[in-house]
Amino acid sequence: MNIQASNQNSLPSIENINPVSEADQNCLRAIEAVLKQHNKLDRFGVTLLHKHFPLQDDEMLVETCDPENRTLTVSTVKTNNINPDHYIETSWRLDTGEALQRCNIEVYHIAKE
């Protein structure tokens, strides 16, 4: 199994995750303080790590944005169909250093022209 699929598949399913609560606030404030210290509050944030379905060995999650219809879609894409010049990593598991999701930036290039 590729690292991307393995890391994603090891996450708990969304239906088994508790919502963020008061018990998480000290941790979130500490992350905020570190980002502020490095002047990165406007670059990085926090996401709730989870999965909705398992990925196959040759798949990864990709966000595609349709600005005209104001729609953001996350779907699976075969890794051999990924052109690194058209995608940007958008989320990482910090315990693995591996990207969990990428964003298709081709739509942004089209929208700018």
N, C-alpha and C. Protein backbone atom coordinates (compact mmCIF):
# COMPACT_ATOMS: atom_id res chain seq x y z
N MET A 1 0.85 -1.18 0.00
CA MET A 1 0.00 0.00 0.00
C MET A 1 0.89 1.24 0.00
N ASN A 2 0.52 2.24 -0.80
CA ASN A 2 1.34 3.45 -0.81
C ASN A 2 1.16 4.22 0.49
N ILE A 3 2.12 5.08 0.78
CA ILE A 3 2.09 5.83 2.05
C ILE A 3 0.84 6.68 2.15
N GLN A 4 0.45 7.35 1.07
CA GLN A 4 -0.74 8.20 1.06
C GLN A 4 -1.97 7.40 1.50
N ALA A 5 -2.23 6.29 0.84
CA ALA A 5 -3.41 5.48 1.16
C ALA A 5 -3.30 4.90 2.56
N SER A 6 -2.12 4.41 2.93
CA SER A 6 -1.93 3.82 4.25
C SER A 6 -2.20 4.84 5.36
N ASN A 7 -1.67 6.06 5.20
CA ASN A 7 -1.90 7.09 6.21
C ASN A 7 -3.37 7.48 6.30
N GLN A 8 -4.02 7.65 5.16
CA GLN A 8 -5.43 8.01 5.15
C GLN A 8 -6.27 6.89 5.75
N ASN A 9 -5.99 5.66 5.37
CA ASN A 9 -6.80 4.53 5.83
C ASN A 9 -6.64 4.26 7.31
N SER A 10 -5.54 4.70 7.91
CA SER A 10 -5.34 4.47 9.34
C SER A 10 -6.13 5.46 10.21
N LEU A 11 -6.71 6.47 9.60
CA LEU A 11 -7.49 7.44 10.35
C LEU A 11 -8.84 6.84 10.75
N PRO A 12 -9.43 7.34 11.86
CA PRO A 12 -10.76 6.86 12.24
C PRO A 12 -11.83 7.39 11.28
N SER A 13 -12.89 6.64 11.14
CA SER A 13 -14.02 7.08 10.32
C SER A 13 -14.73 8.26 10.98
N ILE A 14 -15.25 9.15 10.17
CA ILE A 14 -15.88 10.37 10.68
C ILE A 14 -17.01 10.07 11.67
N GLU A 15 -17.74 8.99 11.45
CA GLU A 15 -18.84 8.67 12.36
C GLU A 15 -18.36 8.19 13.73
N ASN A 16 -17.06 7.91 13.86
CA ASN A 16 -16.50 7.46 15.15
C ASN A 16 -15.71 8.56 15.86
N ILE A 17 -15.78 9.78 15.37
CA ILE A 17 -15.01 10.88 15.96
C ILE A 17 -15.94 11.79 16.75
N ASN A 18 -15.47 12.17 17.93
CA ASN A 18 -16.21 13.15 18.72
C ASN A 18 -15.95 14.55 18.18
N PRO A 19 -16.96 15.41 18.22
CA PRO A 19 -16.74 16.80 17.79
C PRO A 19 -15.71 17.49 18.69
N VAL A 20 -15.11 18.55 18.18
CA VAL A 20 -14.19 19.35 18.98
C VAL A 20 -14.95 19.86 20.20
N SER A 21 -14.28 19.80 21.35
CA SER A 21 -14.94 20.18 22.60
C SER A 21 -14.04 21.11 23.41
N GLU A 22 -14.54 21.51 24.55
CA GLU A 22 -13.78 22.36 25.47
C GLU A 22 -12.46 21.68 25.86
N ALA A 23 -12.46 20.35 25.92
CA ALA A 23 -11.24 19.61 26.28
C ALA A 23 -10.12 19.80 25.26
N ASP A 24 -10.46 20.21 24.03
CA ASP A 24 -9.47 20.43 22.98
C ASP A 24 -8.93 21.86 22.95
N GLN A 25 -9.53 22.76 23.67
CA GLN A 25 -9.21 24.18 23.56
C GLN A 25 -7.78 24.53 23.93
N ASN A 26 -7.23 23.93 24.99
CA ASN A 26 -5.84 24.23 25.37
C ASN A 26 -4.88 23.83 24.27
N CYS A 27 -5.11 22.69 23.65
CA CYS A 27 -4.26 22.24 22.55
C CYS A 27 -4.37 23.20 21.37
N LEU A 28 -5.57 23.58 21.01
CA LEU A 28 -5.77 24.50 19.88
C LEU A 28 -5.13 25.86 20.16
N ARG A 29 -5.23 26.33 21.39
CA ARG A 29 -4.58 27.60 21.75
C ARG A 29 -3.07 27.50 21.65
N ALA A 30 -2.51 26.35 22.04
CA ALA A 30 -1.06 26.15 21.94
C ALA A 30 -0.61 26.13 20.48
N ILE A 31 -1.38 25.50 19.63
CA ILE A 31 -1.06 25.51 18.19
C ILE A 31 -1.14 26.93 17.65
N GLU A 32 -2.16 27.65 18.05
CA GLU A 32 -2.29 29.06 17.64
C GLU A 32 -1.07 29.87 18.07
N ALA A 33 -0.60 29.65 19.28
CA ALA A 33 0.56 30.39 19.79
C ALA A 33 1.82 30.09 18.96
N VAL A 34 2.00 28.84 18.60
CA VAL A 34 3.18 28.47 17.79
C VAL A 34 3.07 29.10 16.41
N LEU A 35 1.91 29.04 15.79
CA LEU A 35 1.73 29.66 14.47
C LEU A 35 1.94 31.17 14.55
N LYS A 36 1.46 31.78 15.60
CA LYS A 36 1.66 33.22 15.78
C LYS A 36 3.13 33.55 15.95
N GLN A 37 3.83 32.74 16.75
CA GLN A 37 5.26 32.94 16.98
C GLN A 37 6.04 32.91 15.66
N HIS A 38 5.62 32.09 14.73
CA HIS A 38 6.32 31.95 13.45
C HIS A 38 5.67 32.78 12.34
N ASN A 39 4.74 33.65 12.72
CA ASN A 39 4.04 34.50 11.77
C ASN A 39 3.38 33.69 10.64
N LYS A 40 2.71 32.61 11.02
CA LYS A 40 2.08 31.71 10.05
C LYS A 40 0.58 31.53 10.30
N LEU A 41 -0.01 32.42 11.10
CA LEU A 41 -1.45 32.30 11.37
C LEU A 41 -2.30 32.41 10.10
N ASP A 42 -1.81 33.15 9.12
CA ASP A 42 -2.59 33.31 7.89
C ASP A 42 -2.20 32.28 6.82
N ARG A 43 -1.35 31.31 7.19
CA ARG A 43 -0.92 30.29 6.22
C ARG A 43 -1.40 28.88 6.59
N PHE A 44 -1.35 28.54 7.87
CA PHE A 44 -1.70 27.20 8.32
C PHE A 44 -2.83 27.26 9.32
N GLY A 45 -3.57 26.17 9.41
CA GLY A 45 -4.66 26.03 10.37
C GLY A 45 -4.67 24.61 10.89
N VAL A 46 -5.80 24.19 11.36
CA VAL A 46 -5.96 22.86 11.93
C VAL A 46 -7.17 22.20 11.27
N THR A 47 -7.06 20.92 11.03
CA THR A 47 -8.19 20.16 10.50
C THR A 47 -8.41 18.94 11.36
N LEU A 48 -9.62 18.48 11.41
CA LEU A 48 -9.96 17.27 12.16
C LEU A 48 -9.61 16.07 11.27
N LEU A 49 -8.64 15.28 11.67
CA LEU A 49 -8.21 14.14 10.86
C LEU A 49 -9.26 13.03 10.93
N HIS A 50 -9.68 12.58 9.76
CA HIS A 50 -10.70 11.54 9.68
C HIS A 50 -10.73 10.97 8.26
N LYS A 51 -11.49 9.92 8.09
CA LYS A 51 -11.72 9.39 6.75
C LYS A 51 -13.22 9.14 6.58
N HIS A 52 -13.65 9.15 5.33
CA HIS A 52 -15.04 8.82 5.00
C HIS A 52 -15.13 7.43 4.37
N PHE A 53 -14.04 6.99 3.75
CA PHE A 53 -13.97 5.69 3.09
C PHE A 53 -12.50 5.36 2.90
N PRO A 54 -12.17 4.08 2.75
CA PRO A 54 -10.77 3.72 2.53
C PRO A 54 -10.32 4.05 1.11
N LEU A 55 -9.04 4.38 0.98
CA LEU A 55 -8.44 4.61 -0.33
C LEU A 55 -7.78 3.31 -0.81
N GLN A 56 -7.79 3.12 -2.10
CA GLN A 56 -7.06 2.01 -2.70
C GLN A 56 -5.58 2.38 -2.77
N ASP A 57 -4.72 1.40 -2.99
CA ASP A 57 -3.27 1.62 -3.02
C ASP A 57 -2.85 2.68 -4.03
N ASP A 58 -3.59 2.81 -5.11
CA ASP A 58 -3.20 3.72 -6.19
C ASP A 58 -4.06 4.98 -6.25
N GLU A 59 -4.62 5.38 -5.10
CA GLU A 59 -5.50 6.56 -5.06
C GLU A 59 -5.01 7.60 -4.07
N MET A 60 -5.46 8.83 -4.29
CA MET A 60 -5.25 9.91 -3.33
C MET A 60 -6.48 10.80 -3.37
N LEU A 61 -6.66 11.61 -2.35
CA LEU A 61 -7.77 12.56 -2.32
C LEU A 61 -7.35 13.87 -2.96
N VAL A 62 -8.23 14.42 -3.78
CA VAL A 62 -7.96 15.67 -4.48
C VAL A 62 -9.18 16.58 -4.37
N GLU A 63 -8.93 17.84 -4.02
CA GLU A 63 -9.98 18.87 -4.01
C GLU A 63 -10.02 19.51 -5.39
N THR A 64 -11.22 19.74 -5.88
CA THR A 64 -11.38 20.48 -7.13
C THR A 64 -12.37 21.60 -6.86
N CYS A 65 -11.99 22.80 -7.25
CA CYS A 65 -12.81 23.98 -6.99
C CYS A 65 -13.46 24.47 -8.28
N ASP A 66 -14.74 24.77 -8.19
CA ASP A 66 -15.48 25.36 -9.29
C ASP A 66 -15.96 26.73 -8.81
N PRO A 67 -15.14 27.78 -9.00
CA PRO A 67 -15.50 29.10 -8.47
C PRO A 67 -16.81 29.64 -9.04
N GLU A 68 -17.08 29.34 -10.29
CA GLU A 68 -18.30 29.85 -10.91
C GLU A 68 -19.56 29.32 -10.21
N ASN A 69 -19.54 28.04 -9.86
CA ASN A 69 -20.68 27.44 -9.17
C ASN A 69 -20.50 27.37 -7.66
N ARG A 70 -19.37 27.94 -7.18
CA ARG A 70 -19.08 27.99 -5.74
C ARG A 70 -19.17 26.61 -5.11
N THR A 71 -18.44 25.67 -5.73
CA THR A 71 -18.47 24.28 -5.28
C THR A 71 -17.05 23.77 -5.09
N LEU A 72 -16.82 23.09 -3.99
CA LEU A 72 -15.56 22.43 -3.71
C LEU A 72 -15.87 20.95 -3.57
N THR A 73 -15.19 20.13 -4.36
CA THR A 73 -15.44 18.69 -4.37
C THR A 73 -14.15 17.97 -4.01
N VAL A 74 -14.27 16.96 -3.16
CA VAL A 74 -13.13 16.10 -2.84
C VAL A 74 -13.44 14.73 -3.45
N SER A 75 -12.49 14.23 -4.23
CA SER A 75 -12.71 12.94 -4.87
C SER A 75 -11.40 12.17 -4.91
N THR A 76 -11.50 10.90 -5.24
CA THR A 76 -10.31 10.07 -5.39
C THR A 76 -9.79 10.19 -6.81
N VAL A 77 -8.47 10.21 -6.93
CA VAL A 77 -7.79 10.28 -8.22
C VAL A 77 -6.68 9.24 -8.21
N LYS A 78 -6.48 8.57 -9.30
CA LYS A 78 -5.39 7.61 -9.41
C LYS A 78 -4.06 8.38 -9.34
N THR A 79 -3.16 7.90 -8.51
CA THR A 79 -1.90 8.62 -8.30
C THR A 79 -1.08 8.75 -9.58
N ASN A 80 -1.20 7.79 -10.50
CA ASN A 80 -0.42 7.91 -11.74
C ASN A 80 -1.01 8.96 -12.68
N ASN A 81 -2.18 9.51 -12.35
CA ASN A 81 -2.78 10.58 -13.15
C ASN A 81 -2.47 11.97 -12.59
N ILE A 82 -1.66 12.03 -11.55
CA ILE A 82 -1.35 13.29 -10.90
C ILE A 82 -0.14 13.95 -11.56
N ASN A 83 -0.32 15.14 -12.06
CA ASN A 83 0.78 15.96 -12.56
C ASN A 83 1.12 16.93 -11.43
N PRO A 84 2.28 16.77 -10.78
CA PRO A 84 2.61 17.61 -9.63
C PRO A 84 2.54 19.11 -9.91
N ASP A 85 2.68 19.51 -11.16
CA ASP A 85 2.62 20.94 -11.51
C ASP A 85 1.20 21.50 -11.42
N HIS A 86 0.19 20.63 -11.36
CA HIS A 86 -1.20 21.08 -11.33
C HIS A 86 -1.88 20.89 -9.98
N TYR A 87 -1.11 20.48 -8.99
CA TYR A 87 -1.69 20.21 -7.67
C TYR A 87 -0.81 20.82 -6.58
N ILE A 88 -1.45 21.21 -5.49
CA ILE A 88 -0.72 21.71 -4.34
C ILE A 88 -1.21 20.97 -3.11
N GLU A 89 -0.28 20.51 -2.28
CA GLU A 89 -0.65 19.80 -1.05
C GLU A 89 -1.39 20.76 -0.13
N THR A 90 -2.47 20.28 0.48
CA THR A 90 -3.28 21.16 1.32
C THR A 90 -3.48 20.66 2.75
N SER A 91 -3.22 19.38 3.00
CA SER A 91 -3.33 18.91 4.39
C SER A 91 -2.33 17.79 4.61
N TRP A 92 -1.80 17.75 5.82
CA TRP A 92 -0.77 16.79 6.19
C TRP A 92 -1.07 16.20 7.55
N ARG A 93 -0.64 14.98 7.74
CA ARG A 93 -0.61 14.40 9.08
C ARG A 93 0.75 14.74 9.64
N LEU A 94 0.81 15.44 10.72
CA LEU A 94 2.09 15.86 11.28
C LEU A 94 2.88 14.70 11.86
N ASP A 95 2.19 13.61 12.21
CA ASP A 95 2.91 12.45 12.75
C ASP A 95 3.56 11.62 11.66
N THR A 96 3.25 11.90 10.40
CA THR A 96 3.85 11.14 9.30
C THR A 96 4.58 12.04 8.31
N GLY A 97 4.23 13.33 8.27
CA GLY A 97 4.83 14.25 7.33
C GLY A 97 4.32 14.08 5.91
N GLU A 98 3.37 13.20 5.72
CA GLU A 98 2.84 12.91 4.39
C GLU A 98 1.58 13.71 4.12
N ALA A 99 1.43 14.14 2.88
CA ALA A 99 0.22 14.86 2.48
C ALA A 99 -0.96 13.90 2.45
N LEU A 100 -2.09 14.36 2.94
CA LEU A 100 -3.32 13.58 2.89
C LEU A 100 -4.20 14.02 1.74
N GLN A 101 -4.07 15.25 1.35
CA GLN A 101 -4.97 15.79 0.34
C GLN A 101 -4.24 16.83 -0.48
N ARG A 102 -4.65 16.94 -1.73
CA ARG A 102 -4.07 17.93 -2.63
C ARG A 102 -5.21 18.68 -3.30
N CYS A 103 -4.92 19.86 -3.76
CA CYS A 103 -5.91 20.67 -4.45
C CYS A 103 -5.52 20.80 -5.92
N ASN A 104 -6.48 20.55 -6.79
CA ASN A 104 -6.28 20.72 -8.23
C ASN A 104 -6.25 22.21 -8.50
N ILE A 105 -5.10 22.74 -8.91
CA ILE A 105 -4.99 24.19 -9.12
C ILE A 105 -5.21 24.59 -10.57
N GLU A 106 -5.51 23.63 -11.43
CA GLU A 106 -5.79 23.99 -12.82
C GLU A 106 -6.97 24.95 -12.93
N VAL A 107 -7.97 24.77 -12.10
CA VAL A 107 -9.13 25.67 -12.18
C VAL A 107 -8.74 27.09 -11.82
N TYR A 108 -7.77 27.25 -10.91
CA TYR A 108 -7.34 28.59 -10.54
C TYR A 108 -6.60 29.26 -11.68
N HIS A 109 -5.80 28.48 -12.41
CA HIS A 109 -5.10 29.05 -13.58
C HIS A 109 -6.11 29.48 -14.64
N ILE A 110 -7.12 28.68 -14.86
CA ILE A 110 -8.15 29.01 -15.84
C ILE A 110 -8.90 30.26 -15.42
N ALA A 111 -9.24 30.34 -14.12
CA ALA A 111 -10.01 31.47 -13.63
C ALA A 111 -9.23 32.78 -13.72
N LYS A 112 -7.90 32.71 -13.64
CA LYS A 112 -7.08 33.92 -13.66
C LYS A 112 -6.88 34.48 -15.07
N GLU A 113 -7.04 33.64 -16.07
CA GLU A 113 -6.77 34.07 -17.46
C GLU A 113 -7.86 34.97 -17.98
